[in-house]
Amino acid sequence: MAFEGLSDKLNNVFKKLRSKGRLSEADVREAMREVRLALLEADVNFKVVKDFVKTVTEKAVGGNILESLTPAQQVVKIVNDELCALMGGSQSRIHMANRPPTVIMFVGLQGAGKTTNIAKLAGYFKKKEGRRPLLCACDVYRPAAVQQLKVVGAQLEIPVYEEGQGDPVTIAQHAYQHARDHGSDMLMIDTAGRLHIDEVLMDELKRLKEAVKPHEIMLVVDGMTGQDAVNAATAFNDALGIDSVLMTKLDGDARGGAALSIKAVTGKPIKFVGMGEKLDAIEPFYPDRMASRILGMGDVLTLVEKAQDAFDEKEAAKLEQKMRKGKMTLTDFYDQLKQLKNMGNMKDLLGMLPGVDRSAMKNAKIDEKAMAHTEAIIQSMTPKERENPDIIKYSRKKRIAAGCGLKIEDVNRLLKQFDMMQQMMKRFSGPGTAKKMKRSGFKFPY
């Protein structure tokens, strides 16, 4: 996950401050020197770091801060507020046109993941806001770019307008008319990228901008490239005038410097971030939530949103009643397991919880295989066996184990743990269930 190294270093700085109780101005300035180094190592723009540290220091050495009961917490709050301001302060949304379609023109260099993430964003607006997007293939130079857009569009059930290897400007104009004629309220134009910024690329983008007059020009940058992403954003903004940024690959080992620098350097906000390879792995960018994650304070709001997306409310209510009565079936359990997996990587989810130590999480062993084994065992059962596990005797266990490529002991373990869960849910239903289960030493069967 991006910012991991920065987060660890900042938390070490704040741990030292908390251990001192009362703080002197020298303590704060020493801490800010360490913060400065941490930001530079995270590949944050030098000028941005200089201004950031200066602002935080000026606010943190004020008498009302150093004389407060919890000066270290006050310093952390100042750093949090300034990190949030550095990334834009609040979430920036795409402004929709009064008369559809809203035209968004995507630009960027090759390798940033532009084509795939345009489709992801179209899928986001279709699912979250009920929009009717149309994708337009104007990258007529890169081999298979048109086909790539058609493939991801088909997977998300989003139409793609293309005319093969024609003139990009003409294709975009025809796509706009097609969107109006067929009721599409968003037109997302995938333009050609280059391995580097050149005059030919910019001239073509300027002609496209003049022809379709997009409501928004969104630059797609690779979060893994650090200050190169910031340099690309500056060049595109100077030549073309971008409105916003979509940053990809923020789930990888990016140091995070680009995300902390782009708004300060270009004045343009990051509006969306790509968080994985799956076609639904895209999120709006919230500066306050990202600042909270960087400082190890968690991100409960995003975690709740993921849970709301993954879990069906009505089905969850039915399941709760079954669990209270101890009548949950393996089919129910399997459905919940699939929904939990849809929320994303377990380590990333745990990292969104407040108070979770990132450095401890590095060494934590979350056995993703155990979850996969549980899923495989249940899939090897017949519907009757899932509904009534009591009928699963030795011969059935042998068949189930053979079907999923595991041992009978694995099947026995799952059945035993599932039975324990049933009994525990029935016994401890009511207020304080989680605490009672924790005291009993219960563990879920995955």
Protein backbone atom coordinates (compact mmCIF):
# COMPACT_ATOMS: atom_id res chain seq x y z
CA MET A 1 0.00 0.00 0.00
CA ALA A 2 1.24 3.51 -0.84
CA PHE A 3 2.48 5.68 2.06
CA GLU A 4 3.44 2.63 4.15
CA GLY A 5 7.05 3.76 4.62
CA LEU A 6 6.02 7.38 5.24
CA SER A 7 3.35 6.30 7.72
CA ASP A 8 5.83 4.19 9.72
CA LYS A 9 8.38 7.02 9.90
CA LEU A 10 5.81 9.65 10.94
CA ASN A 11 4.38 7.38 13.62
CA ASN A 12 7.89 6.86 15.04
CA VAL A 13 8.34 10.63 15.19
CA PHE A 14 5.04 11.10 17.04
CA LYS A 15 5.80 8.22 19.39
CA LYS A 16 8.94 10.08 20.51
CA LEU A 17 6.94 13.27 21.05
CA ARG A 18 4.31 11.48 23.15
CA SER A 19 6.97 9.88 25.33
CA LYS A 20 8.21 13.33 26.41
CA GLY A 21 4.95 14.63 27.86
CA ARG A 22 5.71 18.36 27.90
CA LEU A 23 7.36 19.68 24.75
CA SER A 24 9.88 22.44 24.16
CA GLU A 25 10.33 24.39 20.94
CA ALA A 26 13.55 22.43 20.38
CA ASP A 27 11.60 19.14 20.62
CA VAL A 28 9.16 20.31 17.95
CA ARG A 29 11.89 21.54 15.61
CA GLU A 30 13.80 18.26 15.97
CA ALA A 31 10.60 16.33 15.16
CA MET A 32 9.97 18.52 12.12
CA ARG A 33 13.48 17.77 10.82
CA GLU A 34 12.58 14.06 10.93
CA VAL A 35 9.22 14.76 9.24
CA ARG A 36 11.07 16.66 6.52
CA LEU A 37 13.38 13.69 5.87
CA ALA A 38 10.44 11.27 5.86
CA LEU A 39 8.58 13.34 3.25
CA LEU A 40 11.65 13.68 1.04
CA GLU A 41 12.25 9.92 1.22
CA ALA A 42 8.62 9.43 0.18
CA ASP A 43 9.50 11.39 -3.00
CA VAL A 44 7.43 14.47 -2.13
CA ASN A 45 8.40 17.57 -4.13
CA PHE A 46 11.22 19.48 -2.38
CA LYS A 47 9.47 22.87 -2.43
CA VAL A 48 6.25 21.29 -1.16
CA VAL A 49 8.17 19.71 1.75
CA LYS A 50 9.88 22.99 2.58
CA ASP A 51 6.60 24.94 2.70
CA PHE A 52 4.80 22.15 4.58
CA VAL A 53 7.43 21.88 7.34
CA LYS A 54 7.61 25.67 7.69
CA THR A 55 3.82 25.97 8.11
CA VAL A 56 3.58 23.10 10.61
CA THR A 57 6.54 24.38 12.66
CA GLU A 58 5.12 27.91 12.88
CA LYS A 59 1.79 26.60 14.14
CA ALA A 60 3.25 23.92 16.45
CA VAL A 61 5.66 26.19 18.40
CA GLY A 62 2.87 28.54 19.43
CA GLY A 63 2.57 29.04 23.21
CA ASN A 64 -1.01 27.71 23.35
CA ILE A 65 0.18 24.43 21.77
CA LEU A 66 3.28 23.82 23.90
CA GLU A 67 1.46 24.77 27.11
CA SER A 68 -1.58 22.57 26.42
CA LEU A 69 -2.23 19.38 28.40
CA THR A 70 -1.52 17.18 25.35
CA PRO A 71 1.01 19.05 23.18
CA ALA A 72 2.02 15.93 21.21
CA GLN A 73 -1.61 15.32 20.19
CA GLN A 74 -1.91 18.98 19.16
CA VAL A 75 1.16 18.62 16.93
CA VAL A 76 -0.29 15.47 15.33
CA LYS A 77 -3.55 17.35 14.69
CA ILE A 78 -1.66 20.20 12.99
CA VAL A 79 0.24 17.72 10.78
CA ASN A 80 -3.04 15.95 9.94
CA ASP A 81 -4.76 19.25 9.03
CA GLU A 82 -1.83 20.39 6.88
CA LEU A 83 -1.54 17.02 5.08
CA CYS A 84 -5.25 17.25 4.31
CA ALA A 85 -4.86 20.84 3.02
CA LEU A 86 -1.83 19.77 0.95
CA MET A 87 -3.97 17.22 -0.93
CA GLY A 88 -6.85 19.62 -1.56
CA GLY A 89 -8.71 19.89 1.73
CA SER A 90 -11.93 18.22 0.68
CA GLN A 91 -13.16 15.80 -1.95
CA SER A 92 -13.47 17.27 -5.45
CA ARG A 93 -16.32 15.95 -7.57
CA ILE A 94 -16.83 15.93 -11.32
CA HIS A 95 -19.31 18.64 -12.26
CA MET A 96 -22.01 17.26 -14.51
CA ALA A 97 -23.26 19.26 -17.49
CA ASN A 98 -26.71 20.84 -17.29
CA ARG A 99 -27.38 19.45 -20.76
CA PRO A 100 -26.06 15.90 -21.17
CA PRO A 101 -23.79 14.37 -22.16
CA THR A 102 -21.02 15.42 -19.78
CA VAL A 103 -17.83 15.11 -21.83
CA ILE A 104 -14.66 14.00 -20.03
CA MET A 105 -11.44 13.85 -22.02
CA PHE A 106 -8.73 11.62 -20.55
CA VAL A 107 -5.08 12.35 -21.29
CA GLY A 108 -1.78 10.90 -20.10
CA LEU A 109 1.40 9.04 -20.97
CA GLN A 110 1.54 5.40 -22.02
CA GLY A 111 1.81 2.88 -19.20
CA ALA A 112 -0.24 4.81 -16.66
CA GLY A 113 -3.23 2.49 -17.07
CA LYS A 114 -5.36 5.09 -18.83
CA THR A 115 -7.59 2.84 -20.97
CA THR A 116 -8.46 0.38 -18.20
CA ASN A 117 -9.08 3.06 -15.59
CA ILE A 118 -11.36 5.04 -17.91
CA ALA A 119 -13.56 1.94 -18.13
CA LYS A 120 -13.32 1.47 -14.34
CA LEU A 121 -14.50 5.05 -13.82
CA ALA A 122 -17.37 4.56 -16.26
CA GLY A 123 -18.32 1.44 -14.30
CA TYR A 124 -18.18 3.44 -11.06
CA PHE A 125 -20.61 6.09 -12.36
CA LYS A 126 -22.92 3.44 -13.79
CA LYS A 127 -23.08 1.49 -10.51
CA LYS A 128 -22.95 4.30 -7.94
CA GLU A 129 -24.90 7.06 -9.66
CA GLY A 130 -27.01 5.24 -12.23
CA ARG A 131 -25.33 7.05 -15.12
CA ARG A 132 -25.35 5.87 -18.74
CA PRO A 133 -21.74 6.36 -19.92
CA LEU A 134 -20.42 5.90 -23.44
CA LEU A 135 -16.73 5.13 -23.97
CA CYS A 136 -15.03 6.60 -27.03
CA ALA A 137 -11.89 4.99 -28.51
CA CYS A 138 -9.66 7.82 -29.81
CA ASP A 139 -6.31 6.11 -29.18
CA VAL A 140 -5.82 5.05 -32.80
CA TYR A 141 -2.04 4.57 -32.66
CA ARG A 142 -1.24 2.08 -29.90
CA PRO A 143 -1.73 -1.49 -31.14
CA ALA A 144 -4.89 -3.10 -29.72
CA ALA A 145 -5.87 0.02 -27.72
CA VAL A 146 -9.32 0.07 -29.35
CA GLN A 147 -9.77 -3.65 -28.71
CA GLN A 148 -8.66 -3.25 -25.08
CA LEU A 149 -11.33 -0.60 -24.49
CA LYS A 150 -13.96 -2.79 -26.14
CA VAL A 151 -13.02 -5.78 -23.96
CA VAL A 152 -13.17 -3.93 -20.63
CA GLY A 153 -16.30 -2.09 -21.79
CA ALA A 154 -17.99 -5.41 -22.54
CA GLN A 155 -17.01 -6.79 -19.12
CA LEU A 156 -18.68 -3.81 -17.47
CA GLU A 157 -21.59 -3.80 -19.95
CA ILE A 158 -20.75 -0.28 -21.12
CA PRO A 159 -21.03 0.61 -24.84
CA VAL A 160 -17.93 1.68 -26.76
CA TYR A 161 -17.95 3.97 -29.80
CA GLU A 162 -15.10 3.31 -32.24
CA GLU A 163 -14.26 3.81 -35.90
CA GLY A 164 -11.01 1.86 -36.02
CA GLN A 165 -7.89 3.74 -37.09
CA GLY A 166 -9.59 6.95 -38.23
CA ASP A 167 -9.03 10.61 -37.33
CA PRO A 168 -9.38 11.06 -33.51
CA VAL A 169 -11.08 14.45 -33.80
CA THR A 170 -13.71 13.16 -36.24
CA ILE A 171 -14.28 10.05 -34.10
CA ALA A 172 -14.82 12.19 -30.97
CA GLN A 173 -17.32 14.44 -32.80
CA HIS A 174 -19.26 11.43 -34.09
CA ALA A 175 -19.19 9.86 -30.60
CA TYR A 176 -20.69 13.04 -29.10
CA GLN A 177 -23.58 12.94 -31.57
CA HIS A 178 -24.02 9.21 -30.93
CA ALA A 179 -24.20 9.85 -27.18
CA ARG A 180 -26.91 12.49 -27.67
CA ASP A 181 -28.90 10.32 -30.05
CA HIS A 182 -28.79 7.24 -27.81
CA GLY A 183 -29.38 8.80 -24.40
CA SER A 184 -25.86 8.52 -22.93
CA ASP A 185 -25.40 11.14 -20.22
CA MET A 186 -21.59 10.80 -20.04
CA LEU A 187 -19.03 10.61 -22.86
CA MET A 188 -15.58 9.42 -21.79
CA ILE A 189 -12.90 9.91 -24.45
CA ASP A 190 -9.76 7.76 -24.38
CA THR A 191 -7.01 9.70 -26.16
CA ALA A 192 -3.61 8.55 -27.37
CA GLY A 193 -0.64 8.51 -25.02
CA ARG A 194 3.07 8.67 -25.72
CA LEU A 195 6.16 7.39 -23.97
CA HIS A 196 7.07 11.04 -23.44
CA ILE A 197 5.44 14.44 -23.89
CA ASP A 198 5.93 15.78 -27.43
CA GLU A 199 4.54 18.51 -29.65
CA VAL A 200 2.59 16.12 -31.90
CA LEU A 201 0.73 14.65 -28.93
CA MET A 202 -0.16 18.06 -27.51
CA ASP A 203 -1.29 19.42 -30.89
CA GLU A 204 -3.70 16.51 -31.32
CA LEU A 205 -5.08 16.94 -27.80
CA LYS A 206 -5.56 20.68 -28.40
CA ARG A 207 -7.51 19.93 -31.59
CA LEU A 208 -9.67 17.41 -29.70
CA LYS A 209 -10.29 19.94 -26.93
CA GLU A 210 -11.32 22.58 -29.45
CA ALA A 211 -13.59 20.19 -31.35
CA VAL A 212 -15.58 18.59 -28.49
CA LYS A 213 -15.16 21.27 -25.78
CA PRO A 214 -14.95 18.80 -22.86
CA HIS A 215 -16.48 19.73 -19.52
CA GLU A 216 -13.47 18.18 -17.83
CA ILE A 217 -9.96 17.17 -18.90
CA MET A 218 -8.69 14.46 -16.54
CA LEU A 219 -5.03 13.49 -16.49
CA VAL A 220 -4.26 9.84 -15.70
CA VAL A 221 -0.91 9.40 -13.92
CA ASP A 222 0.90 6.38 -12.50
CA GLY A 223 1.28 6.74 -8.73
CA MET A 224 4.34 4.46 -8.85
CA THR A 225 6.41 6.99 -10.82
CA GLY A 226 6.70 9.57 -8.03
CA GLN A 227 7.94 12.98 -9.16
CA ASP A 228 7.76 11.91 -12.81
CA ALA A 229 3.98 11.91 -12.35
CA VAL A 230 4.16 15.45 -10.96
CA ASN A 231 6.33 16.56 -13.88
CA ALA A 232 3.85 15.03 -16.35
CA ALA A 233 0.96 16.79 -14.59
CA THR A 234 2.80 20.12 -14.80
CA ALA A 235 3.59 19.67 -18.52
CA PHE A 236 0.03 18.65 -19.47
CA ASN A 237 -1.42 21.48 -17.40
CA ASP A 238 0.86 24.09 -18.94
CA ALA A 239 0.20 22.92 -22.52
CA LEU A 240 -3.44 21.87 -22.34
CA GLY A 241 -5.00 23.06 -19.10
CA ILE A 242 -6.14 19.99 -17.14
CA ASP A 243 -8.97 20.10 -14.60
CA SER A 244 -8.24 17.06 -12.43
CA VAL A 245 -6.15 13.95 -11.91
CA LEU A 246 -6.88 10.23 -11.75
CA MET A 247 -3.98 8.50 -9.99
CA THR A 248 -3.52 4.78 -10.67
CA LYS A 249 -1.66 1.98 -8.84
CA LEU A 250 -2.02 3.56 -5.41
CA ASP A 251 -2.43 0.07 -3.95
CA GLY A 252 1.15 -0.85 -4.91
CA ASP A 253 4.49 0.00 -3.34
CA ALA A 254 4.34 3.64 -4.37
CA ARG A 255 6.01 5.93 -1.83
CA GLY A 256 3.11 8.36 -2.17
CA GLY A 257 5.06 11.48 -3.07
CA ALA A 258 3.03 12.19 -6.20
CA ALA A 259 -0.28 12.14 -4.31
CA LEU A 260 1.09 14.64 -1.79
CA SER A 261 2.67 16.91 -4.43
CA ILE A 262 0.32 17.18 -7.42
CA LYS A 263 -2.30 19.52 -5.92
CA ALA A 264 0.34 21.83 -4.42
CA VAL A 265 2.41 21.97 -7.63
CA THR A 266 -0.34 22.20 -10.27
CA GLY A 267 -3.33 23.46 -8.27
CA LYS A 268 -5.40 20.60 -9.77
CA PRO A 269 -7.11 18.11 -7.46
CA ILE A 270 -6.87 14.33 -7.51
CA LYS A 271 -10.48 13.19 -7.94
CA PHE A 272 -10.13 9.41 -8.24
CA VAL A 273 -7.54 6.76 -7.41
CA GLY A 274 -7.04 3.26 -8.83
CA MET A 275 -6.62 0.77 -5.97
CA GLY A 276 -6.07 -2.57 -7.72
CA GLU A 277 -6.43 -4.59 -10.89
CA LYS A 278 -10.10 -5.53 -10.53
CA LEU A 279 -12.56 -3.53 -12.64
CA ASP A 280 -14.29 -2.16 -9.54
CA ALA A 281 -11.02 -1.16 -7.84
CA ILE A 282 -11.44 2.60 -8.15
CA GLU A 283 -12.36 5.09 -5.43
CA PRO A 284 -13.06 8.81 -5.06
CA PHE A 285 -10.07 10.58 -3.49
CA TYR A 286 -10.77 12.02 -0.03
CA PRO A 287 -7.81 14.13 1.25
CA ASP A 288 -9.00 13.94 4.87
CA ARG A 289 -9.32 10.15 4.79
CA MET A 290 -5.94 9.75 3.09
CA ALA A 291 -4.27 12.01 5.69
CA SER A 292 -5.86 9.89 8.40
CA ARG A 293 -4.50 6.69 6.82
CA ILE A 294 -1.01 8.17 6.51
CA LEU A 295 -0.96 9.04 10.23
CA GLY A 296 -2.20 5.58 11.24
CA MET A 297 -5.61 6.83 12.38
CA GLY A 298 -7.50 4.45 10.12
CA ASP A 299 -10.23 5.16 7.59
CA VAL A 300 -13.49 3.93 9.06
CA LEU A 301 -15.71 5.78 6.56
CA THR A 302 -14.17 4.02 3.56
CA LEU A 303 -14.37 0.68 5.41
CA VAL A 304 -18.08 1.24 6.09
CA GLU A 305 -18.69 2.19 2.44
CA LYS A 306 -16.95 -0.98 1.28
CA ALA A 307 -19.09 -3.05 3.63
CA GLN A 308 -22.28 -1.35 2.40
CA ASP A 309 -21.30 -2.10 -1.20
CA ALA A 310 -20.42 -5.72 -0.49
CA PHE A 311 -23.28 -6.72 1.80
CA ASP A 312 -26.96 -6.81 0.93
CA GLU A 313 -28.90 -5.08 3.74
CA LYS A 314 -32.04 -7.25 3.56
CA GLU A 315 -30.06 -10.47 3.35
CA ALA A 316 -27.92 -9.34 6.28
CA ALA A 317 -31.07 -8.80 8.39
CA LYS A 318 -32.34 -12.30 7.52
CA LEU A 319 -28.96 -13.80 8.33
CA GLU A 320 -28.92 -12.04 11.70
CA GLN A 321 -32.20 -13.71 12.64
CA LYS A 322 -30.84 -17.11 11.57
CA MET A 323 -27.68 -16.58 13.59
CA ARG A 324 -29.66 -15.63 16.70
CA LYS A 325 -31.57 -18.91 16.42
CA GLY A 326 -28.46 -20.93 15.60
CA LYS A 327 -29.90 -21.86 12.19
CA MET A 328 -27.26 -20.42 9.89
CA THR A 329 -26.41 -22.86 7.07
CA LEU A 330 -23.15 -23.42 5.26
CA THR A 331 -24.81 -21.84 2.21
CA ASP A 332 -25.35 -18.66 4.26
CA PHE A 333 -21.79 -18.81 5.49
CA TYR A 334 -20.43 -19.26 1.96
CA ASP A 335 -22.42 -16.23 0.74
CA GLN A 336 -20.99 -14.10 3.54
CA LEU A 337 -17.49 -15.34 2.76
CA LYS A 338 -17.84 -14.25 -0.89
CA GLN A 339 -19.10 -10.83 0.14
CA LEU A 340 -16.21 -10.41 2.57
CA LYS A 341 -13.75 -11.23 -0.22
CA ASN A 342 -15.41 -8.59 -2.43
CA MET A 343 -14.43 -5.93 0.10
CA GLY A 344 -10.76 -6.37 -0.85
CA ASN A 345 -7.47 -7.49 0.63
CA MET A 346 -7.78 -8.36 4.35
CA LYS A 347 -4.56 -6.56 5.32
CA ASP A 348 -5.74 -3.38 3.59
CA LEU A 349 -9.11 -3.62 5.36
CA LEU A 350 -7.46 -4.09 8.76
CA GLY A 351 -5.24 -1.10 7.99
CA MET A 352 -8.38 1.06 7.83
CA LEU A 353 -9.17 0.35 11.47
CA PRO A 354 -8.04 3.06 13.92
CA GLY A 355 -5.16 2.08 16.17
CA VAL A 356 -3.88 -0.77 14.00
CA ASP A 357 -0.08 -0.65 14.03
CA ARG A 358 1.15 -0.74 10.42
CA SER A 359 4.58 -2.04 11.42
CA ALA A 360 2.96 -4.88 13.33
CA MET A 361 0.70 -5.57 10.34
CA LYS A 362 3.78 -6.23 8.17
CA ASN A 363 4.58 -9.32 10.22
CA ALA A 364 0.97 -10.35 10.75
CA LYS A 365 0.08 -13.60 9.05
CA ILE A 366 -3.39 -13.36 7.55
CA ASP A 367 -3.93 -16.77 6.02
CA GLU A 368 -5.73 -16.01 2.76
CA LYS A 369 -5.30 -19.72 1.85
CA ALA A 370 -7.44 -20.76 4.81
CA MET A 371 -10.31 -18.68 3.42
CA ALA A 372 -9.82 -20.24 -0.01
CA HIS A 373 -9.77 -23.74 1.52
CA THR A 374 -13.00 -23.07 3.39
CA GLU A 375 -14.60 -21.88 0.16
CA ALA A 376 -13.38 -24.96 -1.74
CA ILE A 377 -14.72 -27.37 0.90
CA ILE A 378 -18.18 -25.79 0.88
CA GLN A 379 -18.26 -25.76 -2.93
CA SER A 380 -17.54 -29.51 -2.91
CA MET A 381 -20.70 -30.17 -0.88
CA THR A 382 -24.13 -30.87 -2.29
CA PRO A 383 -26.90 -28.31 -1.63
CA LYS A 384 -28.45 -30.79 0.83
CA GLU A 385 -25.17 -31.09 2.76
CA ARG A 386 -24.77 -27.33 2.98
CA GLU A 387 -28.28 -26.93 4.37
CA ASN A 388 -27.90 -29.79 6.85
CA PRO A 389 -24.23 -30.46 7.82
CA ASP A 390 -25.35 -33.11 10.34
CA ILE A 391 -25.78 -35.63 7.51
CA ILE A 392 -22.10 -35.38 6.55
CA LYS A 393 -20.63 -38.67 7.79
CA TYR A 394 -17.35 -40.37 6.87
CA SER A 395 -18.21 -41.39 3.29
CA ARG A 396 -19.47 -37.89 2.46
CA LYS A 397 -16.43 -36.30 4.08
CA LYS A 398 -14.18 -38.52 1.99
CA ARG A 399 -15.99 -37.47 -1.21
CA ILE A 400 -15.90 -33.75 -0.25
CA ALA A 401 -12.17 -33.88 0.56
CA ALA A 402 -11.41 -35.60 -2.75
CA GLY A 403 -13.54 -33.04 -4.61
CA CYS A 404 -11.64 -30.03 -3.25
CA GLY A 405 -8.18 -31.61 -3.11
CA LEU A 406 -7.87 -31.37 0.67
CA LYS A 407 -7.80 -33.84 3.55
CA ILE A 408 -10.67 -35.28 5.59
CA GLU A 409 -9.08 -33.55 8.61
CA ASP A 410 -9.63 -30.19 6.88
CA VAL A 411 -13.32 -31.02 6.33
CA ASN A 412 -13.64 -32.13 9.96
CA ARG A 413 -12.02 -28.92 11.17
CA LEU A 414 -14.42 -26.73 9.20
CA LEU A 415 -17.48 -28.67 10.35
CA LYS A 416 -16.35 -28.56 13.97
CA GLN A 417 -15.65 -24.83 13.88
CA PHE A 418 -18.92 -24.15 12.08
CA ASP A 419 -20.82 -26.12 14.73
CA MET A 420 -19.02 -24.16 17.46
CA MET A 421 -19.98 -20.92 15.74
CA GLN A 422 -23.62 -22.00 15.59
CA GLN A 423 -23.66 -22.83 19.30
CA MET A 424 -21.79 -19.65 20.19
CA MET A 425 -24.13 -17.42 18.18
CA LYS A 426 -27.17 -18.99 19.80
CA ARG A 427 -25.69 -18.80 23.27
CA PHE A 428 -24.41 -15.28 23.05
CA SER A 429 -27.12 -13.63 20.93
CA GLY A 430 -28.06 -10.24 22.28
CA PRO A 431 -26.09 -7.20 23.55
CA GLY A 432 -22.36 -7.60 23.95
CA THR A 433 -22.13 -10.61 21.60
CA ALA A 434 -18.70 -9.70 20.25
CA LYS A 435 -17.17 -9.25 23.71
CA LYS A 436 -18.66 -12.52 24.99
CA MET A 437 -17.32 -14.39 21.95
CA LYS A 438 -13.89 -12.85 22.38
CA ARG A 439 -13.73 -13.92 26.04
CA SER A 440 -14.73 -17.44 25.05
CA GLY A 441 -11.73 -17.69 22.68
CA PHE A 442 -13.92 -18.34 19.61
CA LYS A 443 -12.29 -18.15 16.18
CA PHE A 444 -14.06 -17.97 12.82
CA PRO A 445 -13.52 -20.99 10.52
CA TYR A 446 -11.24 -19.22 8.00
